Amino acid sequence: MTAGQLHFKDYDKKAKEEGDNPNLRGFPDNALLARKEQYEVLAFINHIAKLNKWNADAGAAGHKVEKLLRKMPSDIRGRQKAYEWVSANWNTM
C-alpha cells in the first residue's frame, strides 16, 4: 500500500521528533505505533499484508486495517498488541 492509497487523509506526514524520523533511523518504531503518523500506519499495514501474504494491491484489506486502527482503544500502543487487537477484531467489520 502507498500513501496515496490510504483511506484517511488526516495523517501527520512528518515525524514528531527528529529521533523518530524513519529517514534518519531507516525503519519505523519497533515498540510503539503512532496511529496518526502516515509512515507508521503505512509500515504497519504493509507488515500485516506481508504476514498474511496479501497481494500487492490489497487496498480493501489495508483500508480495513486503517478503520480498525481508528476504533482500537487508545491504551493499546505497542505494535504487537495492535496487531493482536486488529487480528482479534478483524471479523467485526
N, C-alpha and C. Protein backbone atom coordinates (compact mmCIF):
# COMPACT_ATOMS: atom_id res chain seq x y z
N MET A 1 0.85 -1.17 0.00
CA MET A 1 0.00 0.00 0.00
C MET A 1 0.90 1.23 0.00
N THR A 2 0.43 2.27 -0.64
CA THR A 2 1.19 3.53 -0.69
C THR A 2 0.41 4.62 0.02
N ALA A 3 1.06 5.73 0.26
CA ALA A 3 0.42 6.86 0.94
C ALA A 3 -0.82 7.34 0.17
N GLY A 4 -0.75 7.33 -1.13
CA GLY A 4 -1.87 7.77 -1.95
C GLY A 4 -3.08 6.86 -1.86
N GLN A 5 -2.89 5.62 -1.43
CA GLN A 5 -3.98 4.67 -1.32
C GLN A 5 -4.66 4.69 0.05
N LEU A 6 -4.10 5.42 0.99
CA LEU A 6 -4.72 5.46 2.32
C LEU A 6 -6.12 6.05 2.24
N HIS A 7 -7.02 5.50 3.03
CA HIS A 7 -8.41 5.96 3.06
C HIS A 7 -8.51 7.32 3.75
N PHE A 8 -7.88 7.44 4.92
CA PHE A 8 -7.92 8.68 5.68
C PHE A 8 -6.79 9.60 5.22
N LYS A 9 -7.06 10.88 5.21
CA LYS A 9 -6.09 11.86 4.70
C LYS A 9 -5.57 12.80 5.79
N ASP A 10 -5.90 12.53 7.05
CA ASP A 10 -5.54 13.45 8.13
C ASP A 10 -4.29 13.04 8.90
N TYR A 11 -3.45 12.22 8.31
CA TYR A 11 -2.24 11.77 9.00
C TYR A 11 -1.19 12.87 9.03
N ASP A 12 -0.37 12.85 10.10
CA ASP A 12 0.81 13.69 10.13
C ASP A 12 1.79 13.09 9.14
N LYS A 13 2.36 13.92 8.30
CA LYS A 13 3.27 13.41 7.28
C LYS A 13 4.73 13.49 7.69
N LYS A 14 5.00 14.11 8.83
CA LYS A 14 6.37 14.22 9.33
C LYS A 14 6.44 13.61 10.72
N ALA A 15 7.60 13.07 11.03
CA ALA A 15 7.83 12.51 12.37
C ALA A 15 7.79 13.65 13.37
N LYS A 16 7.22 13.38 14.53
CA LYS A 16 7.07 14.42 15.55
C LYS A 16 8.42 14.85 16.14
N GLU A 17 9.32 13.92 16.33
CA GLU A 17 10.63 14.23 16.90
C GLU A 17 11.71 13.79 15.93
N GLU A 18 12.80 14.50 15.92
CA GLU A 18 13.88 14.18 14.98
C GLU A 18 14.37 12.75 15.15
N GLY A 19 14.42 12.24 16.39
CA GLY A 19 14.86 10.87 16.63
C GLY A 19 13.86 9.85 16.14
N ASP A 20 12.66 10.29 15.78
CA ASP A 20 11.59 9.40 15.31
C ASP A 20 11.51 9.39 13.79
N ASN A 21 12.38 10.12 13.15
CA ASN A 21 12.34 10.24 11.70
C ASN A 21 12.84 8.95 11.05
N PRO A 22 11.97 8.23 10.32
CA PRO A 22 12.38 6.96 9.72
C PRO A 22 13.44 7.12 8.64
N ASN A 23 13.53 8.32 8.05
CA ASN A 23 14.55 8.55 7.04
C ASN A 23 15.94 8.59 7.66
N LEU A 24 16.02 9.00 8.92
CA LEU A 24 17.30 9.01 9.63
C LEU A 24 17.58 7.66 10.29
N ARG A 25 16.54 7.03 10.78
CA ARG A 25 16.69 5.77 11.51
C ARG A 25 16.69 4.57 10.57
N GLY A 26 16.02 4.69 9.42
CA GLY A 26 15.99 3.61 8.46
C GLY A 26 14.84 2.64 8.64
N PHE A 27 14.04 2.81 9.67
CA PHE A 27 12.89 1.93 9.91
C PHE A 27 11.95 2.63 10.88
N PRO A 28 10.67 2.24 10.90
CA PRO A 28 9.72 2.84 11.84
C PRO A 28 9.96 2.32 13.26
N ASP A 29 9.32 2.94 14.24
CA ASP A 29 9.44 2.49 15.63
C ASP A 29 9.11 1.02 15.75
N ASN A 30 9.88 0.31 16.54
CA ASN A 30 9.61 -1.11 16.76
C ASN A 30 8.60 -1.33 17.87
N ALA A 31 8.59 -0.48 18.86
CA ALA A 31 7.77 -0.74 20.03
C ALA A 31 6.38 -0.12 19.96
N LEU A 32 6.30 1.16 19.68
CA LEU A 32 5.02 1.87 19.72
C LEU A 32 4.52 2.19 18.31
N LEU A 33 3.22 2.21 18.18
CA LEU A 33 2.59 2.55 16.90
C LEU A 33 1.90 3.90 17.04
N ALA A 34 2.38 4.89 16.31
CA ALA A 34 1.76 6.21 16.30
C ALA A 34 0.70 6.20 15.21
N ARG A 35 -0.56 6.07 15.59
CA ARG A 35 -1.65 5.89 14.63
C ARG A 35 -1.98 7.13 13.83
N LYS A 36 -1.39 8.25 14.16
CA LYS A 36 -1.65 9.49 13.41
C LYS A 36 -0.49 9.85 12.49
N GLU A 37 0.58 9.03 12.48
CA GLU A 37 1.72 9.31 11.62
C GLU A 37 1.65 8.41 10.38
N GLN A 38 1.62 9.05 9.23
CA GLN A 38 1.41 8.34 7.97
C GLN A 38 2.41 7.22 7.75
N TYR A 39 3.69 7.50 7.95
CA TYR A 39 4.70 6.47 7.65
C TYR A 39 4.55 5.27 8.57
N GLU A 40 4.12 5.48 9.83
CA GLU A 40 3.97 4.36 10.75
C GLU A 40 2.76 3.51 10.39
N VAL A 41 1.67 4.15 10.02
CA VAL A 41 0.47 3.40 9.62
C VAL A 41 0.75 2.61 8.35
N LEU A 42 1.43 3.23 7.40
CA LEU A 42 1.77 2.52 6.16
C LEU A 42 2.67 1.31 6.44
N ALA A 43 3.68 1.50 7.26
CA ALA A 43 4.58 0.40 7.58
C ALA A 43 3.83 -0.73 8.29
N PHE A 44 2.91 -0.37 9.18
CA PHE A 44 2.12 -1.35 9.91
C PHE A 44 1.22 -2.14 8.95
N ILE A 45 0.52 -1.42 8.08
CA ILE A 45 -0.36 -2.09 7.10
C ILE A 45 0.45 -3.00 6.19
N ASN A 46 1.56 -2.51 5.69
CA ASN A 46 2.38 -3.31 4.78
C ASN A 46 2.99 -4.52 5.47
N HIS A 47 3.31 -4.39 6.75
CA HIS A 47 3.82 -5.52 7.52
C HIS A 47 2.73 -6.60 7.66
N ILE A 48 1.52 -6.16 7.99
CA ILE A 48 0.40 -7.11 8.10
C ILE A 48 0.13 -7.76 6.74
N ALA A 49 0.20 -6.99 5.67
CA ALA A 49 0.00 -7.54 4.33
C ALA A 49 1.02 -8.62 4.02
N LYS A 50 2.26 -8.37 4.40
CA LYS A 50 3.32 -9.36 4.16
C LYS A 50 3.09 -10.61 5.00
N LEU A 51 2.74 -10.44 6.27
CA LEU A 51 2.47 -11.59 7.14
C LEU A 51 1.34 -12.46 6.62
N ASN A 52 0.31 -11.80 6.06
CA ASN A 52 -0.87 -12.52 5.58
C ASN A 52 -0.81 -12.86 4.10
N LYS A 53 0.31 -12.52 3.47
CA LYS A 53 0.52 -12.81 2.04
C LYS A 53 -0.58 -12.24 1.16
N TRP A 54 -1.01 -10.99 1.52
CA TRP A 54 -1.95 -10.29 0.66
C TRP A 54 -1.23 -9.93 -0.62
N ASN A 55 -1.96 -9.82 -1.72
CA ASN A 55 -1.30 -9.43 -2.96
C ASN A 55 -0.88 -7.96 -2.89
N ALA A 56 -0.11 -7.53 -3.86
CA ALA A 56 0.45 -6.18 -3.84
C ALA A 56 -0.63 -5.10 -3.86
N ASP A 57 -1.79 -5.40 -4.41
CA ASP A 57 -2.86 -4.42 -4.49
C ASP A 57 -3.96 -4.79 -3.48
N ALA A 58 -3.60 -4.79 -2.21
CA ALA A 58 -4.53 -5.19 -1.15
C ALA A 58 -5.17 -3.96 -0.51
N GLY A 59 -5.68 -3.06 -1.35
CA GLY A 59 -6.24 -1.80 -0.86
C GLY A 59 -7.42 -1.97 0.07
N ALA A 60 -8.34 -2.86 -0.24
CA ALA A 60 -9.52 -3.04 0.61
C ALA A 60 -9.13 -3.55 1.99
N ALA A 61 -8.22 -4.50 2.05
CA ALA A 61 -7.78 -5.01 3.34
C ALA A 61 -6.99 -3.94 4.10
N GLY A 62 -6.19 -3.17 3.38
CA GLY A 62 -5.45 -2.08 4.02
C GLY A 62 -6.38 -1.03 4.60
N HIS A 63 -7.45 -0.73 3.88
CA HIS A 63 -8.43 0.23 4.39
C HIS A 63 -9.12 -0.33 5.63
N LYS A 64 -9.34 -1.62 5.65
CA LYS A 64 -9.96 -2.24 6.82
C LYS A 64 -9.04 -2.12 8.03
N VAL A 65 -7.74 -2.32 7.83
CA VAL A 65 -6.78 -2.15 8.92
C VAL A 65 -6.82 -0.71 9.41
N GLU A 66 -6.84 0.25 8.49
CA GLU A 66 -6.91 1.67 8.86
C GLU A 66 -8.13 1.94 9.74
N LYS A 67 -9.29 1.45 9.32
CA LYS A 67 -10.52 1.69 10.07
C LYS A 67 -10.48 1.02 11.43
N LEU A 68 -9.91 -0.16 11.49
CA LEU A 68 -9.77 -0.83 12.78
C LEU A 68 -8.84 -0.07 13.71
N LEU A 69 -7.76 0.48 13.16
CA LEU A 69 -6.84 1.27 13.99
C LEU A 69 -7.54 2.49 14.58
N ARG A 70 -8.47 3.06 13.83
CA ARG A 70 -9.21 4.21 14.34
C ARG A 70 -10.16 3.82 15.47
N LYS A 71 -10.61 2.57 15.48
CA LYS A 71 -11.54 2.09 16.50
C LYS A 71 -10.82 1.46 17.69
N MET A 72 -9.55 1.17 17.54
CA MET A 72 -8.78 0.49 18.57
C MET A 72 -8.69 1.37 19.83
N PRO A 73 -8.85 0.77 21.01
CA PRO A 73 -8.74 1.55 22.25
C PRO A 73 -7.40 2.28 22.34
N SER A 74 -7.43 3.48 22.88
CA SER A 74 -6.23 4.32 22.92
C SER A 74 -5.15 3.78 23.86
N ASP A 75 -5.50 2.88 24.75
CA ASP A 75 -4.48 2.35 25.65
C ASP A 75 -3.63 1.25 25.00
N ILE A 76 -3.98 0.86 23.80
CA ILE A 76 -3.17 -0.12 23.05
C ILE A 76 -2.19 0.67 22.21
N ARG A 77 -0.91 0.59 22.57
CA ARG A 77 0.10 1.41 21.90
C ARG A 77 1.17 0.60 21.20
N GLY A 78 1.49 -0.56 21.72
CA GLY A 78 2.56 -1.37 21.14
C GLY A 78 2.15 -2.01 19.83
N ARG A 79 3.10 -2.18 18.94
CA ARG A 79 2.83 -2.78 17.63
C ARG A 79 2.29 -4.20 17.76
N GLN A 80 2.89 -5.00 18.63
CA GLN A 80 2.43 -6.38 18.78
C GLN A 80 1.00 -6.41 19.32
N LYS A 81 0.71 -5.60 20.31
CA LYS A 81 -0.65 -5.54 20.88
C LYS A 81 -1.64 -5.02 19.84
N ALA A 82 -1.21 -4.04 19.04
CA ALA A 82 -2.08 -3.51 17.98
C ALA A 82 -2.37 -4.60 16.95
N TYR A 83 -1.36 -5.36 16.59
CA TYR A 83 -1.56 -6.45 15.63
C TYR A 83 -2.53 -7.49 16.20
N GLU A 84 -2.35 -7.83 17.47
CA GLU A 84 -3.24 -8.79 18.12
C GLU A 84 -4.68 -8.27 18.16
N TRP A 85 -4.84 -6.98 18.45
CA TRP A 85 -6.18 -6.40 18.53
C TRP A 85 -6.84 -6.38 17.14
N VAL A 86 -6.09 -5.97 16.13
CA VAL A 86 -6.62 -5.95 14.76
C VAL A 86 -7.03 -7.36 14.35
N SER A 87 -6.18 -8.33 14.63
CA SER A 87 -6.48 -9.73 14.27
C SER A 87 -7.73 -10.23 15.00
N ALA A 88 -7.84 -9.92 16.29
CA ALA A 88 -8.98 -10.37 17.08
C ALA A 88 -10.29 -9.72 16.66
N ASN A 89 -10.19 -8.51 16.10
CA ASN A 89 -11.38 -7.75 15.74
C ASN A 89 -11.62 -7.72 14.23
N TRP A 90 -10.88 -8.48 13.46
CA TRP A 90 -10.96 -8.46 12.00
C TRP A 90 -12.38 -8.72 11.51
N ASN A 91 -13.05 -9.67 12.11
CA ASN A 91 -14.39 -10.07 11.63
C ASN A 91 -15.51 -9.17 12.16
N THR A 92 -15.18 -8.13 12.90
CA THR A 92 -16.21 -7.24 13.42
C THR A 92 -16.59 -6.18 12.39
N MET A 93 -15.84 -6.07 11.33
CA MET A 93 -16.13 -5.05 10.31
C MET A 93 -16.48 -5.72 9.00
